[in-house]
């Protein structure tokens, strides 16, 4: 793996809505071939339903999940990634209403 595998330094901050490019180096096809694969993904803080925009629907969805154990079906509602869906997540989503992916 190249030494510059991640180009963003810790001192650089990301906005609440951004697109990032992820590169996987040396991906093998299980045989003799390997290549680097690149994919772009959007990251939007507060977009709990994954539609690319933060709205009252995200707030309502997260309110309905408050107190529920975080799992593979509701992890997007755990906006602060502390392992719990609660008022902190709801507040973060409310503060992001109106934002969307570029």
C-alpha atoms as a PDB file:
ATOM      1  CA  UNK A   1       0.000   0.000   0.000  1.00  0.00           C
ATOM      2  CA  UNK A   2       1.364   3.448  -0.832  1.00  0.00           C
ATOM      3  CA  UNK A   3       2.420   5.586   2.098  1.00  0.00           C
ATOM      4  CA  UNK A   4      -0.022   8.301   1.000  1.00  0.00           C
ATOM      5  CA  UNK A   5      -3.070   6.030   1.053  1.00  0.00           C
ATOM      6  CA  UNK A   6      -5.185   8.682   2.779  1.00  0.00           C
ATOM      7  CA  UNK A   7      -4.577  12.199   1.587  1.00  0.00           C
ATOM      8  CA  UNK A   8      -6.716  14.199   4.048  1.00  0.00           C
ATOM      9  CA  UNK A   9      -4.694  15.398   7.015  1.00  0.00           C
ATOM     10  CA  UNK A  10      -6.145  15.465  10.513  1.00  0.00           C
ATOM     11  CA  UNK A  11      -6.033  19.240  10.533  1.00  0.00           C
ATOM     12  CA  UNK A  12      -8.442  19.459   7.585  1.00  0.00           C
ATOM     13  CA  UNK A  13     -12.123  19.407   8.419  1.00  0.00           C
ATOM     14  CA  UNK A  14     -15.010  18.167   6.331  1.00  0.00           C
ATOM     15  CA  UNK A  15     -18.305  19.921   5.889  1.00  0.00           C
ATOM     16  CA  UNK A  16     -21.583  18.317   6.985  1.00  0.00           C
ATOM     17  CA  UNK A  17     -22.262  17.384   3.353  1.00  0.00           C
ATOM     18  CA  UNK A  18     -19.499  16.096   1.148  1.00  0.00           C
ATOM     19  CA  UNK A  19     -18.464  13.432  -1.312  1.00  0.00           C
ATOM     20  CA  UNK A  20     -15.345  11.412  -0.747  1.00  0.00           C
ATOM     21  CA  UNK A  21     -13.436   9.063  -2.992  1.00  0.00           C
ATOM     22  CA  UNK A  22     -12.287   5.771  -1.533  1.00  0.00           C
ATOM     23  CA  UNK A  23      -9.562   3.757  -3.227  1.00  0.00           C
ATOM     24  CA  UNK A  24      -8.990   0.090  -2.442  1.00  0.00           C
ATOM     25  CA  UNK A  25      -5.478  -0.952  -3.398  1.00  0.00           C
ATOM     26  CA  UNK A  26      -4.514  -4.402  -4.680  1.00  0.00           C
ATOM     27  CA  UNK A  27      -8.009  -5.894  -4.872  1.00  0.00           C
ATOM     28  CA  UNK A  28      -7.683  -9.501  -6.029  1.00  0.00           C
ATOM     29  CA  UNK A  29     -10.086 -11.364  -8.275  1.00  0.00           C
ATOM     30  CA  UNK A  30      -9.229 -14.609  -6.482  1.00  0.00           C
ATOM     31  CA  UNK A  31      -7.002 -15.668  -9.352  1.00  0.00           C
ATOM     32  CA  UNK A  32      -3.984 -13.965 -10.803  1.00  0.00           C
ATOM     33  CA  UNK A  33      -5.439 -10.506 -11.346  1.00  0.00           C
ATOM     34  CA  UNK A  34      -5.450  -7.554  -9.010  1.00  0.00           C
ATOM     35  CA  UNK A  35      -6.221  -3.892  -9.427  1.00  0.00           C
ATOM     36  CA  UNK A  36      -6.951  -0.716  -7.540  1.00  0.00           C
ATOM     37  CA  UNK A  37     -10.665   0.116  -7.318  1.00  0.00           C
ATOM     38  CA  UNK A  38     -12.032   3.613  -6.743  1.00  0.00           C
ATOM     39  CA  UNK A  39     -15.542   4.512  -5.614  1.00  0.00           C
ATOM     40  CA  UNK A  40     -17.172   7.794  -4.685  1.00  0.00           C
ATOM     41  CA  UNK A  41     -19.594   8.044  -1.779  1.00  0.00           C
ATOM     42  CA  UNK A  42     -21.680  10.818  -0.344  1.00  0.00           C
ATOM     43  CA  UNK A  43     -21.632  11.595   3.366  1.00  0.00           C
ATOM     44  CA  UNK A  44     -24.360  13.791   4.808  1.00  0.00           C
ATOM     45  CA  UNK A  45     -24.644  14.262   8.554  1.00  0.00           C
ATOM     46  CA  UNK A  46     -28.254  13.781   9.622  1.00  0.00           C
ATOM     47  CA  UNK A  47     -29.514  11.984   6.508  1.00  0.00           C
ATOM     48  CA  UNK A  48     -30.919   9.010   8.411  1.00  0.00           C
ATOM     49  CA  UNK A  49     -33.039   7.742   5.520  1.00  0.00           C
ATOM     50  CA  UNK A  50     -30.215   7.958   2.971  1.00  0.00           C
ATOM     51  CA  UNK A  51     -32.013  10.030   0.328  1.00  0.00           C
ATOM     52  CA  UNK A  52     -29.303  12.695  -0.002  1.00  0.00           C
ATOM     53  CA  UNK A  53     -31.142  15.448   1.901  1.00  0.00           C
ATOM     54  CA  UNK A  54     -31.842  16.196   5.574  1.00  0.00           C
ATOM     55  CA  UNK A  55     -35.494  16.993   6.275  1.00  0.00           C
ATOM     56  CA  UNK A  56     -38.228  16.634   8.861  1.00  0.00           C
ATOM     57  CA  UNK A  57     -38.584  13.020   7.690  1.00  0.00           C
ATOM     58  CA  UNK A  58     -35.101  12.280   9.075  1.00  0.00           C
ATOM     59  CA  UNK A  59     -36.012  13.951  12.371  1.00  0.00           C
ATOM     60  CA  UNK A  60     -39.248  11.935  12.624  1.00  0.00           C
ATOM     61  CA  UNK A  61     -37.515   8.690  11.744  1.00  0.00           C
ATOM     62  CA  UNK A  62     -34.842   9.187  14.377  1.00  0.00           C
ATOM     63  CA  UNK A  63     -37.400  10.227  17.000  1.00  0.00           C
ATOM     64  CA  UNK A  64     -39.243   6.964  16.354  1.00  0.00           C
ATOM     65  CA  UNK A  65     -35.994   5.034  16.879  1.00  0.00           C
ATOM     66  CA  UNK A  66     -34.912   6.846  20.046  1.00  0.00           C
ATOM     67  CA  UNK A  67     -33.959   4.362  22.761  1.00  0.00           C
ATOM     68  CA  UNK A  68     -33.733   1.446  20.321  1.00  0.00           C
ATOM     69  CA  UNK A  69     -30.543  -0.625  20.179  1.00  0.00           C
ATOM     70  CA  UNK A  70     -28.382   0.361  17.197  1.00  0.00           C
ATOM     71  CA  UNK A  71     -28.204  -2.360  14.553  1.00  0.00           C
ATOM     72  CA  UNK A  72     -27.743  -2.818  10.799  1.00  0.00           C
ATOM     73  CA  UNK A  73     -31.235  -1.476  10.069  1.00  0.00           C
ATOM     74  CA  UNK A  74     -31.085   1.804  12.027  1.00  0.00           C
ATOM     75  CA  UNK A  75     -27.402   2.773  12.352  1.00  0.00           C
ATOM     76  CA  UNK A  76     -27.903   5.925  10.260  1.00  0.00           C
ATOM     77  CA  UNK A  77     -30.000   7.374  13.084  1.00  0.00           C
ATOM     78  CA  UNK A  78     -26.998   7.143  15.437  1.00  0.00           C
ATOM     79  CA  UNK A  79     -25.609  10.349  13.947  1.00  0.00           C
ATOM     80  CA  UNK A  80     -22.943  10.943  16.599  1.00  0.00           C
ATOM     81  CA  UNK A  81     -21.876   7.263  16.415  1.00  0.00           C
ATOM     82  CA  UNK A  82     -21.882   6.736  20.183  1.00  0.00           C
ATOM     83  CA  UNK A  83     -23.820   3.461  20.014  1.00  0.00           C
ATOM     84  CA  UNK A  84     -27.155   4.927  21.137  1.00  0.00           C
ATOM     85  CA  UNK A  85     -30.024   6.640  19.351  1.00  0.00           C
ATOM     86  CA  UNK A  86     -31.162   9.492  21.574  1.00  0.00           C
ATOM     87  CA  UNK A  87     -31.900  13.214  21.906  1.00  0.00           C
ATOM     88  CA  UNK A  88     -28.329  14.101  20.915  1.00  0.00           C
ATOM     89  CA  UNK A  89     -28.848  12.484  17.522  1.00  0.00           C
ATOM     90  CA  UNK A  90     -32.208  14.207  17.080  1.00  0.00           C
ATOM     91  CA  UNK A  91     -30.636  17.596  17.886  1.00  0.00           C
ATOM     92  CA  UNK A  92     -27.828  17.036  15.382  1.00  0.00           C
ATOM     93  CA  UNK A  93     -30.323  16.126  12.673  1.00  0.00           C
ATOM     94  CA  UNK A  94     -32.494  19.148  13.452  1.00  0.00           C
ATOM     95  CA  UNK A  95     -29.454  21.397  13.097  1.00  0.00           C
ATOM     96  CA  UNK A  96     -28.779  19.929   9.632  1.00  0.00           C
ATOM     97  CA  UNK A  97     -32.310  20.192   8.204  1.00  0.00           C
ATOM     98  CA  UNK A  98     -32.160  21.816   4.799  1.00  0.00           C
ATOM     99  CA  UNK A  99     -28.733  20.487   3.838  1.00  0.00           C
ATOM    100  CA  UNK A 100     -28.122  18.104   0.964  1.00  0.00           C
ATOM    101  CA  UNK A 101     -25.363  16.419  -0.935  1.00  0.00           C
ATOM    102  CA  UNK A 102     -23.616  18.509  -3.571  1.00  0.00           C
END
